């Protein structure tokens, strides 16, 4: 079982590698679009990279659209990961 700090570190590593972001910028309150400079195409790439990293499927489009901050992203990945592990 992956703990929350490991999960966050993995999310951070994926985003840092995929978008050449500084790990220090990946704070809970960092806005994916305003602070980190991602756009809608980057969001698609982010989902693909996270699905590959965690073996998940992001099928809830409404939940995805509500992700604005790193905290939101951590929460969504954590929830999906727990659901997969419980199945």
N, C-alpha and C. Protein backbone atom coordinates (compact mmCIF):
# COMPACT_ATOMS: atom_id res chain seq x y z
N UNK A 1 0.85 -1.19 0.00
CA UNK A 1 0.00 0.00 0.00
C UNK A 1 0.89 1.24 0.00
N UNK A 2 0.55 2.16 -0.84
CA UNK A 2 1.28 3.42 -0.96
C UNK A 2 0.72 4.42 0.04
N UNK A 3 1.60 5.06 0.82
CA UNK A 3 1.11 6.07 1.75
C UNK A 3 1.00 7.41 1.02
N UNK A 4 0.36 8.37 1.68
CA UNK A 4 0.07 9.66 1.05
C UNK A 4 1.33 10.41 0.63
N UNK A 5 2.37 10.36 1.45
CA UNK A 5 3.59 11.10 1.09
C UNK A 5 4.26 10.48 -0.13
N UNK A 6 4.22 9.15 -0.24
CA UNK A 6 4.78 8.49 -1.42
C UNK A 6 3.95 8.81 -2.65
N UNK A 7 2.64 8.80 -2.50
CA UNK A 7 1.75 9.12 -3.60
C UNK A 7 2.02 10.54 -4.11
N UNK A 8 2.13 11.49 -3.19
CA UNK A 8 2.41 12.88 -3.57
C UNK A 8 3.76 13.00 -4.26
N UNK A 9 4.75 12.29 -3.76
CA UNK A 9 6.08 12.32 -4.37
C UNK A 9 6.03 11.77 -5.79
N UNK A 10 5.27 10.71 -6.00
CA UNK A 10 5.14 10.13 -7.34
C UNK A 10 4.41 11.09 -8.28
N UNK A 11 3.34 11.73 -7.80
CA UNK A 11 2.62 12.72 -8.62
C UNK A 11 3.59 13.84 -8.98
N UNK A 12 4.32 14.34 -8.00
CA UNK A 12 5.27 15.43 -8.24
C UNK A 12 6.32 15.03 -9.27
N UNK A 13 6.85 13.82 -9.13
CA UNK A 13 7.88 13.37 -10.07
C UNK A 13 7.34 13.29 -11.49
N UNK A 14 6.12 12.78 -11.63
CA UNK A 14 5.51 12.68 -12.97
C UNK A 14 5.35 14.08 -13.57
N UNK A 15 4.83 15.02 -12.80
CA UNK A 15 4.63 16.37 -13.32
C UNK A 15 5.95 17.07 -13.60
N UNK A 16 6.92 16.90 -12.72
CA UNK A 16 8.23 17.52 -12.92
C UNK A 16 8.89 16.97 -14.19
N UNK A 17 8.82 15.66 -14.38
CA UNK A 17 9.42 15.05 -15.56
C UNK A 17 8.68 15.41 -16.84
N UNK A 18 7.36 15.34 -16.79
CA UNK A 18 6.54 15.55 -17.99
C UNK A 18 6.58 17.01 -18.46
N UNK A 19 6.59 17.94 -17.51
CA UNK A 19 6.45 19.36 -17.87
C UNK A 19 7.67 20.21 -17.49
N UNK A 20 8.75 19.54 -17.10
CA UNK A 20 9.98 20.23 -16.72
C UNK A 20 9.72 21.29 -15.65
N UNK A 21 8.98 20.89 -14.62
CA UNK A 21 8.66 21.78 -13.50
C UNK A 21 9.64 21.57 -12.37
N UNK A 22 9.85 22.61 -11.59
CA UNK A 22 10.69 22.54 -10.40
C UNK A 22 9.87 21.91 -9.28
N UNK A 23 10.42 20.90 -8.64
CA UNK A 23 9.70 20.23 -7.55
C UNK A 23 9.30 21.21 -6.44
N UNK A 24 10.08 22.25 -6.22
CA UNK A 24 9.75 23.24 -5.19
C UNK A 24 8.50 24.03 -5.51
N UNK A 25 8.11 24.07 -6.78
CA UNK A 25 6.90 24.80 -7.19
C UNK A 25 5.63 23.96 -6.99
N UNK A 26 5.78 22.67 -6.76
CA UNK A 26 4.63 21.77 -6.66
C UNK A 26 4.12 21.71 -5.22
N UNK A 27 3.56 22.83 -4.79
CA UNK A 27 2.99 22.99 -3.45
C UNK A 27 1.48 22.72 -3.50
N UNK A 28 0.90 22.42 -2.36
CA UNK A 28 -0.55 22.16 -2.28
C UNK A 28 -1.37 23.26 -2.93
N UNK A 29 -0.98 24.52 -2.69
CA UNK A 29 -1.80 25.64 -3.15
C UNK A 29 -1.45 26.11 -4.56
N UNK A 30 -0.50 25.45 -5.22
CA UNK A 30 -0.10 25.85 -6.57
C UNK A 30 -1.22 25.54 -7.55
N UNK A 31 -1.64 26.57 -8.29
CA UNK A 31 -2.66 26.41 -9.32
C UNK A 31 -1.99 25.82 -10.56
N UNK A 32 -2.57 24.74 -11.08
CA UNK A 32 -1.98 24.06 -12.22
C UNK A 32 -1.84 24.96 -13.44
N UNK A 33 -2.78 25.87 -13.62
CA UNK A 33 -2.82 26.69 -14.82
C UNK A 33 -2.13 28.04 -14.60
N UNK A 34 -2.47 28.71 -13.52
CA UNK A 34 -1.91 30.04 -13.28
C UNK A 34 -0.48 30.00 -12.75
N UNK A 35 -0.21 29.13 -11.78
CA UNK A 35 1.12 29.08 -11.16
C UNK A 35 2.11 28.21 -11.92
N UNK A 36 1.62 27.08 -12.45
CA UNK A 36 2.52 26.12 -13.09
C UNK A 36 2.54 26.24 -14.61
N UNK A 37 1.62 27.04 -15.16
CA UNK A 37 1.63 27.32 -16.58
C UNK A 37 1.11 26.22 -17.49
N UNK A 38 0.35 25.29 -16.93
CA UNK A 38 -0.22 24.22 -17.76
C UNK A 38 -1.42 24.76 -18.53
N UNK A 39 -1.72 24.14 -19.66
CA UNK A 39 -2.92 24.50 -20.43
C UNK A 39 -3.76 23.24 -20.62
N UNK A 40 -4.84 23.36 -21.38
CA UNK A 40 -5.76 22.23 -21.52
C UNK A 40 -5.10 21.03 -22.20
N UNK A 41 -4.21 21.26 -23.15
CA UNK A 41 -3.51 20.14 -23.78
C UNK A 41 -2.56 19.48 -22.79
N UNK A 42 -1.91 20.29 -21.95
CA UNK A 42 -1.05 19.73 -20.91
C UNK A 42 -1.86 18.88 -19.94
N UNK A 43 -3.09 19.30 -19.67
CA UNK A 43 -3.94 18.55 -18.75
C UNK A 43 -4.19 17.14 -19.28
N UNK A 44 -4.39 17.03 -20.58
CA UNK A 44 -4.58 15.71 -21.20
C UNK A 44 -3.31 14.87 -21.04
N UNK A 45 -2.16 15.47 -21.32
CA UNK A 45 -0.89 14.77 -21.16
C UNK A 45 -0.67 14.36 -19.70
N UNK A 46 -1.07 15.23 -18.78
CA UNK A 46 -0.92 14.94 -17.35
C UNK A 46 -1.74 13.71 -16.97
N UNK A 47 -2.98 13.66 -17.44
CA UNK A 47 -3.85 12.52 -17.14
C UNK A 47 -3.24 11.23 -17.67
N UNK A 48 -2.77 11.25 -18.90
CA UNK A 48 -2.16 10.06 -19.51
C UNK A 48 -0.95 9.61 -18.69
N UNK A 49 -0.10 10.56 -18.32
CA UNK A 49 1.11 10.21 -17.56
C UNK A 49 0.76 9.65 -16.19
N UNK A 50 -0.24 10.24 -15.52
CA UNK A 50 -0.64 9.74 -14.20
C UNK A 50 -1.32 8.39 -14.30
N UNK A 51 -2.13 8.19 -15.33
CA UNK A 51 -2.75 6.87 -15.52
C UNK A 51 -1.67 5.80 -15.69
N UNK A 52 -0.65 6.12 -16.45
CA UNK A 52 0.43 5.17 -16.69
C UNK A 52 1.21 4.90 -15.40
N UNK A 53 1.51 5.95 -14.65
CA UNK A 53 2.29 5.81 -13.41
C UNK A 53 1.57 4.97 -12.37
N UNK A 54 0.27 5.20 -12.21
CA UNK A 54 -0.48 4.56 -11.12
C UNK A 54 -1.37 3.41 -11.57
N UNK A 55 -1.47 3.15 -12.86
CA UNK A 55 -2.35 2.10 -13.34
C UNK A 55 -3.81 2.42 -13.12
N UNK A 56 -4.15 3.71 -13.30
CA UNK A 56 -5.51 4.18 -13.06
C UNK A 56 -6.19 4.56 -14.36
N UNK A 57 -7.50 4.76 -14.28
CA UNK A 57 -8.27 5.33 -15.37
C UNK A 57 -9.05 6.50 -14.81
N UNK A 58 -8.82 7.67 -15.35
CA UNK A 58 -9.54 8.88 -14.94
C UNK A 58 -10.80 8.98 -15.77
N UNK A 59 -11.88 8.37 -15.30
CA UNK A 59 -13.12 8.33 -16.07
C UNK A 59 -14.13 9.38 -15.63
N UNK A 60 -13.95 9.99 -14.48
CA UNK A 60 -14.88 10.99 -13.97
C UNK A 60 -14.47 12.37 -14.48
N UNK A 61 -15.04 12.75 -15.64
CA UNK A 61 -14.64 14.01 -16.26
C UNK A 61 -14.99 15.22 -15.40
N UNK A 62 -16.09 15.15 -14.68
CA UNK A 62 -16.46 16.27 -13.81
C UNK A 62 -15.43 16.47 -12.72
N UNK A 63 -14.97 15.38 -12.12
CA UNK A 63 -13.93 15.47 -11.09
C UNK A 63 -12.64 16.03 -11.68
N UNK A 64 -12.31 15.60 -12.89
CA UNK A 64 -11.10 16.12 -13.54
C UNK A 64 -11.20 17.61 -13.80
N UNK A 65 -12.36 18.06 -14.26
CA UNK A 65 -12.54 19.48 -14.54
C UNK A 65 -12.47 20.33 -13.28
N UNK A 66 -12.75 19.74 -12.14
CA UNK A 66 -12.73 20.50 -10.89
C UNK A 66 -11.32 20.63 -10.30
N UNK A 67 -10.35 19.91 -10.87
CA UNK A 67 -8.97 19.97 -10.37
C UNK A 67 -8.35 21.28 -10.82
N UNK A 68 -7.99 22.10 -9.84
CA UNK A 68 -7.34 23.38 -10.13
C UNK A 68 -5.97 23.49 -9.47
N UNK A 69 -5.82 22.90 -8.29
CA UNK A 69 -4.58 23.03 -7.53
C UNK A 69 -3.91 21.66 -7.38
N UNK A 70 -2.68 21.70 -6.95
CA UNK A 70 -1.98 20.45 -6.68
C UNK A 70 -2.72 19.66 -5.60
N UNK A 71 -3.26 20.34 -4.60
CA UNK A 71 -4.02 19.66 -3.56
C UNK A 71 -5.19 18.89 -4.17
N UNK A 72 -5.93 19.55 -5.08
CA UNK A 72 -7.05 18.88 -5.76
C UNK A 72 -6.55 17.64 -6.49
N UNK A 73 -5.42 17.76 -7.16
CA UNK A 73 -4.87 16.64 -7.91
C UNK A 73 -4.46 15.50 -6.99
N UNK A 74 -3.78 15.84 -5.89
CA UNK A 74 -3.40 14.80 -4.93
C UNK A 74 -4.63 14.06 -4.42
N UNK A 75 -5.67 14.81 -4.08
CA UNK A 75 -6.90 14.21 -3.55
C UNK A 75 -7.54 13.27 -4.57
N UNK A 76 -7.61 13.70 -5.81
CA UNK A 76 -8.23 12.87 -6.85
C UNK A 76 -7.42 11.59 -7.08
N UNK A 77 -6.11 11.73 -7.23
CA UNK A 77 -5.27 10.55 -7.46
C UNK A 77 -5.36 9.61 -6.26
N UNK A 78 -5.34 10.16 -5.06
CA UNK A 78 -5.43 9.34 -3.86
C UNK A 78 -6.74 8.56 -3.82
N UNK A 79 -7.84 9.24 -4.12
CA UNK A 79 -9.15 8.57 -4.10
C UNK A 79 -9.21 7.46 -5.14
N UNK A 80 -8.76 7.75 -6.35
CA UNK A 80 -8.78 6.74 -7.41
C UNK A 80 -7.87 5.56 -7.07
N UNK A 81 -6.70 5.87 -6.51
CA UNK A 81 -5.74 4.83 -6.16
C UNK A 81 -6.32 3.92 -5.06
N UNK A 82 -6.93 4.53 -4.05
CA UNK A 82 -7.56 3.73 -2.97
C UNK A 82 -8.66 2.85 -3.53
N UNK A 83 -9.47 3.38 -4.46
CA UNK A 83 -10.56 2.61 -5.07
C UNK A 83 -10.01 1.40 -5.82
N UNK A 84 -8.92 1.59 -6.54
CA UNK A 84 -8.31 0.49 -7.30
C UNK A 84 -7.75 -0.56 -6.34
N UNK A 85 -7.11 -0.10 -5.27
CA UNK A 85 -6.53 -1.03 -4.32
C UNK A 85 -7.60 -1.83 -3.56
N UNK A 86 -8.75 -1.21 -3.34
CA UNK A 86 -9.84 -1.88 -2.61
C UNK A 86 -10.57 -2.90 -3.49
N UNK A 87 -10.47 -2.73 -4.79
CA UNK A 87 -11.21 -3.63 -5.71
C UNK A 87 -10.55 -4.99 -5.82
